[in-house]
Amino acid sequence: MCAGALVHARIKRVVFATAQFRIKSVGSGIFDILNNYRSNHYILHNSGILAKKSQDLLRQFFRTRR
């Protein structure tokens, strides 16, 4: 949903720390919403910025929530 909202909002560039493990909708060869050839808008994206630290923070957060 977020990637679709970015396309509709005509965002030019997205930078994020880490991708979702199970269903990647950005940068995946199977399902890449930001660069879908059917869309009339493409978004530049960079990922992996502080990926390890971000993954650890997310894991810790969801462990405490469970």
PDB file of N, CA and C in Angstrom:
ATOM      1  N   MET A   1       0.812  -1.186   0.000  1.00  0.00           N
ATOM      2  CA  MET A   1       0.000   0.000   0.000  1.00  0.00           C
ATOM      3  C   MET A   1       0.858   1.254   0.000  1.00  0.00           C
ATOM      4  N   CYS A   2       1.926   1.246   0.757  1.00  0.00           N
ATOM      5  CA  CYS A   2       2.784   2.429   0.838  1.00  0.00           C
ATOM      6  C   CYS A   2       3.446   2.726  -0.500  1.00  0.00           C
ATOM      7  N   ALA A   3       3.947   1.698  -1.168  1.00  0.00           N
ATOM      8  CA  ALA A   3       4.598   1.904  -2.462  1.00  0.00           C
ATOM      9  C   ALA A   3       3.598   2.436  -3.479  1.00  0.00           C
ATOM     10  N   GLY A   4       2.391   1.925  -3.453  1.00  0.00           N
ATOM     11  CA  GLY A   4       1.345   2.421  -4.353  1.00  0.00           C
ATOM     12  C   GLY A   4       1.012   3.873  -4.076  1.00  0.00           C
ATOM     13  N   ALA A   5       0.968   4.254  -2.809  1.00  0.00           N
ATOM     14  CA  ALA A   5       0.697   5.641  -2.437  1.00  0.00           C
ATOM     15  C   ALA A   5       1.822   6.560  -2.917  1.00  0.00           C
ATOM     16  N   LEU A   6       3.055   6.091  -2.855  1.00  0.00           N
ATOM     17  CA  LEU A   6       4.188   6.890  -3.344  1.00  0.00           C
ATOM     18  C   LEU A   6       4.070   7.149  -4.845  1.00  0.00           C
ATOM     19  N   VAL A   7       3.658   6.136  -5.588  1.00  0.00           N
ATOM     20  CA  VAL A   7       3.491   6.296  -7.036  1.00  0.00           C
ATOM     21  C   VAL A   7       2.385   7.302  -7.325  1.00  0.00           C
ATOM     22  N   HIS A   8       1.255   7.173  -6.650  1.00  0.00           N
ATOM     23  CA  HIS A   8       0.131   8.090  -6.875  1.00  0.00           C
ATOM     24  C   HIS A   8       0.469   9.517  -6.460  1.00  0.00           C
ATOM     25  N   ALA A   9       1.318   9.666  -5.460  1.00  0.00           N
ATOM     26  CA  ALA A   9       1.716  11.006  -5.003  1.00  0.00           C
ATOM     27  C   ALA A   9       2.823  11.607  -5.858  1.00  0.00           C
ATOM     28  N   ARG A  10       3.328  10.824  -6.823  1.00  0.00           N
ATOM     29  CA  ARG A  10       4.382  11.272  -7.734  1.00  0.00           C
ATOM     30  C   ARG A  10       5.662  11.683  -7.012  1.00  0.00           C
ATOM     31  N   ILE A  11       6.022  10.903  -5.990  1.00  0.00           N
ATOM     32  CA  ILE A  11       7.279  11.114  -5.280  1.00  0.00           C
ATOM     33  C   ILE A  11       8.419  10.787  -6.243  1.00  0.00           C
ATOM     34  N   LYS A  12       9.482  11.585  -6.222  1.00  0.00           N
ATOM     35  CA  LYS A  12      10.587  11.383  -7.165  1.00  0.00           C
ATOM     36  C   LYS A  12      11.610  10.364  -6.690  1.00  0.00           C
ATOM     37  N   ARG A  13      11.875  10.344  -5.377  1.00  0.00           N
ATOM     38  CA  ARG A  13      12.942   9.461  -4.872  1.00  0.00           C
ATOM     39  C   ARG A  13      12.609   8.996  -3.464  1.00  0.00           C
ATOM     40  N   VAL A  14      12.930   7.733  -3.174  1.00  0.00           N
ATOM     41  CA  VAL A  14      12.713   7.153  -1.856  1.00  0.00           C
ATOM     42  C   VAL A  14      14.024   6.525  -1.393  1.00  0.00           C
ATOM     43  N   VAL A  15      14.392   6.790  -0.157  1.00  0.00           N
ATOM     44  CA  VAL A  15      15.573   6.188   0.453  1.00  0.00           C
ATOM     45  C   VAL A  15      15.097   5.501   1.724  1.00  0.00           C
ATOM     46  N   PHE A  16      15.395   4.201   1.842  1.00  0.00           N
ATOM     47  CA  PHE A  16      14.967   3.479   3.030  1.00  0.00           C
ATOM     48  C   PHE A  16      16.063   2.545   3.493  1.00  0.00           C
ATOM     49  N   ALA A  17      15.960   2.147   4.754  1.00  0.00           N
ATOM     50  CA  ALA A  17      17.034   1.396   5.387  1.00  0.00           C
ATOM     51  C   ALA A  17      17.043  -0.071   4.992  1.00  0.00           C
ATOM     52  N   THR A  18      15.928  -0.731   5.105  1.00  0.00           N
ATOM     53  CA  THR A  18      15.909  -2.165   4.873  1.00  0.00           C
ATOM     54  C   THR A  18      14.600  -2.588   4.232  1.00  0.00           C
ATOM     55  N   ALA A  19      14.660  -3.616   3.433  1.00  0.00           N
ATOM     56  CA  ALA A  19      13.473  -4.102   2.734  1.00  0.00           C
ATOM     57  C   ALA A  19      12.738  -5.120   3.589  1.00  0.00           C
ATOM     58  N   GLN A  20      11.486  -5.311   3.271  1.00  0.00           N
ATOM     59  CA  GLN A  20      10.689  -6.340   3.936  1.00  0.00           C
ATOM     60  C   GLN A  20      11.175  -7.705   3.474  1.00  0.00           C
ATOM     61  N   PHE A  21      11.322  -8.635   4.388  1.00  0.00           N
ATOM     62  CA  PHE A  21      11.904  -9.933   4.053  1.00  0.00           C
ATOM     63  C   PHE A  21      10.986 -10.810   3.215  1.00  0.00           C
ATOM     64  N   ARG A  22       9.749 -10.942   3.602  1.00  0.00           N
ATOM     65  CA  ARG A  22       8.863 -11.923   2.978  1.00  0.00           C
ATOM     66  C   ARG A  22       8.307 -11.459   1.647  1.00  0.00           C
ATOM     67  N   ILE A  23       7.757 -10.269   1.615  1.00  0.00           N
ATOM     68  CA  ILE A  23       7.141  -9.768   0.380  1.00  0.00           C
ATOM     69  C   ILE A  23       7.773  -8.421   0.052  1.00  0.00           C
ATOM     70  N   LYS A  24       8.703  -8.425  -0.851  1.00  0.00           N
ATOM     71  CA  LYS A  24       9.343  -7.172  -1.236  1.00  0.00           C
ATOM     72  C   LYS A  24       8.593  -6.594  -2.426  1.00  0.00           C
ATOM     73  N   SER A  25       8.040  -5.410  -2.273  1.00  0.00           N
ATOM     74  CA  SER A  25       7.363  -4.776  -3.394  1.00  0.00           C
ATOM     75  C   SER A  25       8.213  -3.660  -3.990  1.00  0.00           C
ATOM     76  N   VAL A  26       9.438  -3.543  -3.521  1.00  0.00           N
ATOM     77  CA  VAL A  26      10.384  -2.570  -4.071  1.00  0.00           C
ATOM     78  C   VAL A  26      11.692  -3.302  -4.344  1.00  0.00           C
ATOM     79  N   GLY A  27      12.158  -3.246  -5.566  1.00  0.00           N
ATOM     80  CA  GLY A  27      13.432  -3.842  -5.908  1.00  0.00           C
ATOM     81  C   GLY A  27      13.396  -5.331  -6.171  1.00  0.00           C
ATOM     82  N   SER A  28      12.232  -5.914  -6.112  1.00  0.00           N
ATOM     83  CA  SER A  28      12.113  -7.347  -6.366  1.00  0.00           C
ATOM     84  C   SER A  28      11.917  -7.588  -7.856  1.00  0.00           C
ATOM     85  N   GLY A  29      12.494  -8.629  -8.352  1.00  0.00           N
ATOM     86  CA  GLY A  29      12.295  -8.980  -9.753  1.00  0.00           C
ATOM     87  C   GLY A  29      10.901  -9.487 -10.032  1.00  0.00           C
ATOM     88  N   ILE A  30      10.201  -9.892  -8.994  1.00  0.00           N
ATOM     89  CA  ILE A  30       8.857 -10.445  -9.138  1.00  0.00           C
ATOM     90  C   ILE A  30       7.797  -9.354  -9.068  1.00  0.00           C
ATOM     91  N   PHE A  31       7.952  -8.434  -8.130  1.00  0.00           N
ATOM     92  CA  PHE A  31       6.894  -7.475  -7.843  1.00  0.00           C
ATOM     93  C   PHE A  31       7.516  -6.142  -7.459  1.00  0.00           C
ATOM     94  N   ASP A  32       7.727  -5.261  -8.417  1.00  0.00           N
ATOM     95  CA  ASP A  32       8.375  -3.976  -8.154  1.00  0.00           C
ATOM     96  C   ASP A  32       7.422  -2.842  -8.504  1.00  0.00           C
ATOM     97  N   ILE A  33       6.688  -2.364  -7.526  1.00  0.00           N
ATOM     98  CA  ILE A  33       5.667  -1.342  -7.750  1.00  0.00           C
ATOM     99  C   ILE A  33       6.279  -0.020  -8.212  1.00  0.00           C
ATOM    100  N   LEU A  34       7.424   0.352  -7.663  1.00  0.00           N
ATOM    101  CA  LEU A  34       7.997   1.656  -7.978  1.00  0.00           C
ATOM    102  C   LEU A  34       8.492   1.761  -9.410  1.00  0.00           C
ATOM    103  N   ASN A  35       8.789   0.654 -10.038  1.00  0.00           N
ATOM    104  CA  ASN A  35       9.287   0.683 -11.416  1.00  0.00           C
ATOM    105  C   ASN A  35       8.502  -0.265 -12.317  1.00  0.00           C
ATOM    106  N   ASN A  36       7.204  -0.289 -12.137  1.00  0.00           N
ATOM    107  CA  ASN A  36       6.338  -1.142 -12.936  1.00  0.00           C
ATOM    108  C   ASN A  36       6.160  -0.529 -14.322  1.00  0.00           C
ATOM    109  N   TYR A  37       6.363  -1.316 -15.352  1.00  0.00           N
ATOM    110  CA  TYR A  37       6.267  -0.786 -16.711  1.00  0.00           C
ATOM    111  C   TYR A  37       4.846  -0.349 -17.059  1.00  0.00           C
ATOM    112  N   ARG A  38       3.853  -0.806 -16.326  1.00  0.00           N
ATOM    113  CA  ARG A  38       2.466  -0.406 -16.584  1.00  0.00           C
ATOM    114  C   ARG A  38       2.157   0.983 -16.039  1.00  0.00           C
ATOM    115  N   SER A  39       2.986   1.471 -15.146  1.00  0.00           N
ATOM    116  CA  SER A  39       2.763   2.768 -14.515  1.00  0.00           C
ATOM    117  C   SER A  39       3.320   3.888 -15.389  1.00  0.00           C
ATOM    118  N   ASN A  40       2.737   5.067 -15.253  1.00  0.00           N
ATOM    119  CA  ASN A  40       3.253   6.214 -15.986  1.00  0.00           C
ATOM    120  C   ASN A  40       4.194   7.068 -15.133  1.00  0.00           C
ATOM    121  N   HIS A  41       4.566   6.565 -13.966  1.00  0.00           N
ATOM    122  CA  HIS A  41       5.469   7.288 -13.077  1.00  0.00           C
ATOM    123  C   HIS A  41       6.449   6.304 -12.445  1.00  0.00           C
ATOM    124  N   TYR A  42       7.717   6.620 -12.490  1.00  0.00           N
ATOM    125  CA  TYR A  42       8.761   5.770 -11.915  1.00  0.00           C
ATOM    126  C   TYR A  42       9.447   6.519 -10.781  1.00  0.00           C
ATOM    127  N   ILE A  43       9.856   5.792  -9.762  1.00  0.00           N
ATOM    128  CA  ILE A  43      10.472   6.386  -8.584  1.00  0.00           C
ATOM    129  C   ILE A  43      11.876   5.819  -8.407  1.00  0.00           C
ATOM    130  N   LEU A  44      12.840   6.697  -8.258  1.00  0.00           N
ATOM    131  CA  LEU A  44      14.199   6.265  -7.929  1.00  0.00           C
ATOM    132  C   LEU A  44      14.198   5.792  -6.487  1.00  0.00           C
ATOM    133  N   HIS A  45      14.926   4.722  -6.198  1.00  0.00           N
ATOM    134  CA  HIS A  45      14.977   4.253  -4.821  1.00  0.00           C
ATOM    135  C   HIS A  45      16.355   3.715  -4.485  1.00  0.00           C
ATOM    136  N   ASN A  46      16.745   3.972  -3.242  1.00  0.00           N
ATOM    137  CA  ASN A  46      17.989   3.473  -2.677  1.00  0.00           C
ATOM    138  C   ASN A  46      17.647   2.761  -1.384  1.00  0.00           C
ATOM    139  N   SER A  47      18.224   1.606  -1.189  1.00  0.00           N
ATOM    140  CA  SER A  47      17.974   0.877   0.052  1.00  0.00           C
ATOM    141  C   SER A  47      19.292   0.378   0.627  1.00  0.00           C
ATOM    142  N   GLY A  48      19.230  -0.089   1.847  1.00  0.00           N
ATOM    143  CA  GLY A  48      20.414  -0.628   2.492  1.00  0.00           C
ATOM    144  C   GLY A  48      21.171   0.379   3.325  1.00  0.00           C
ATOM    145  N   ILE A  49      20.611   1.573   3.488  1.00  0.00           N
ATOM    146  CA  ILE A  49      21.253   2.593   4.305  1.00  0.00           C
ATOM    147  C   ILE A  49      21.104   2.181   5.773  1.00  0.00           C
ATOM    148  N   LEU A  50      22.194   1.867   6.447  1.00  0.00           N
ATOM    149  CA  LEU A  50      22.187   1.388   7.834  1.00  0.00           C
ATOM    150  C   LEU A  50      21.271   0.171   7.999  1.00  0.00           C
ATOM    151  N   ALA A  51      21.327  -0.746   7.061  1.00  0.00           N
ATOM    152  CA  ALA A  51      20.409  -1.886   7.027  1.00  0.00           C
ATOM    153  C   ALA A  51      20.501  -2.756   8.274  1.00  0.00           C
ATOM    154  N   LYS A  52      21.691  -3.124   8.684  1.00  0.00           N
ATOM    155  CA  LYS A  52      21.850  -4.017   9.838  1.00  0.00           C
ATOM    156  C   LYS A  52      21.295  -3.391  11.111  1.00  0.00           C
ATOM    157  N   LYS A  53      21.616  -2.139  11.338  1.00  0.00           N
ATOM    158  CA  LYS A  53      21.126  -1.447  12.525  1.00  0.00           C
ATOM    159  C   LYS A  53      19.604  -1.337  12.496  1.00  0.00           C
ATOM    160  N   SER A  54      19.047  -1.040  11.344  1.00  0.00           N
ATOM    161  CA  SER A  54      17.600  -0.916  11.209  1.00  0.00           C
ATOM    162  C   SER A  54      16.900  -2.249  11.423  1.00  0.00           C
ATOM    163  N   GLN A  55      17.459  -3.318  10.878  1.00  0.00           N
ATOM    164  CA  GLN A  55      16.879  -4.650  11.082  1.00  0.00           C
ATOM    165  C   GLN A  55      16.861  -5.014  12.558  1.00  0.00           C
ATOM    166  N   ASP A  56      17.952  -4.727  13.244  1.00  0.00           N
ATOM    167  CA  ASP A  56      18.029  -5.025  14.673  1.00  0.00           C
ATOM    168  C   ASP A  56      16.991  -4.227  15.465  1.00  0.00           C
ATOM    169  N   LEU A  57      16.823  -2.952  15.140  1.00  0.00           N
ATOM    170  CA  LEU A  57      15.824  -2.126  15.820  1.00  0.00           C
ATOM    171  C   LEU A  57      14.412  -2.640  15.584  1.00  0.00           C
ATOM    172  N   LEU A  58      14.108  -3.017  14.344  1.00  0.00           N
ATOM    173  CA  LEU A  58      12.782  -3.540  14.035  1.00  0.00           C
ATOM    174  C   LEU A  58      12.511  -4.863  14.745  1.00  0.00           C
ATOM    175  N   ARG A  59      13.491  -5.740  14.750  1.00  0.00           N
ATOM    176  CA  ARG A  59      13.322  -7.025  15.440  1.00  0.00           C
ATOM    177  C   ARG A  59      13.089  -6.822  16.936  1.00  0.00           C
ATOM    178  N   GLN A  60      13.876  -5.950  17.523  1.00  0.00           N
ATOM    179  CA  GLN A  60      13.734  -5.667  18.948  1.00  0.00           C
ATOM    180  C   GLN A  60      12.351  -5.077  19.245  1.00  0.00           C
ATOM    181  N   PHE A  61      11.904  -4.164  18.442  1.00  0.00           N
ATOM    182  CA  PHE A  61      10.595  -3.542  18.642  1.00  0.00           C
ATOM    183  C   PHE A  61       9.479  -4.582  18.605  1.00  0.00           C
ATOM    184  N   PHE A  62       9.493  -5.456  17.588  1.00  0.00           N
ATOM    185  CA  PHE A  62       8.402  -6.412  17.463  1.00  0.00           C
ATOM    186  C   PHE A  62       8.505  -7.543  18.482  1.00  0.00           C
ATOM    187  N   ARG A  63       9.680  -7.839  18.970  1.00  0.00           N
ATOM    188  CA  ARG A  63       9.794  -8.818  20.067  1.00  0.00           C
ATOM    189  C   ARG A  63       9.099  -8.303  21.318  1.00  0.00           C
ATOM    190  N   THR A  64       9.262  -7.027  21.613  1.00  0.00           N
ATOM    191  CA  THR A  64       8.622  -6.452  22.793  1.00  0.00           C
ATOM    192  C   THR A  64       7.111  -6.345  22.617  1.00  0.00           C
ATOM    193  N   ARG A  65       6.645  -6.234  21.377  1.00  0.00           N
ATOM    194  CA  ARG A  65       5.207  -6.127  21.115  1.00  0.00           C
ATOM    195  C   ARG A  65       4.495  -7.471  21.198  1.00  0.00           C
ATOM    196  N   ARG A  66       5.218  -8.562  21.054  1.00  0.00           N
ATOM    197  CA  ARG A  66       4.584  -9.897  21.059  1.00  0.00           C
ATOM    198  C   ARG A  66       4.366 -10.417  22.430  1.00  0.00           C
TER     199      ARG A  66
END
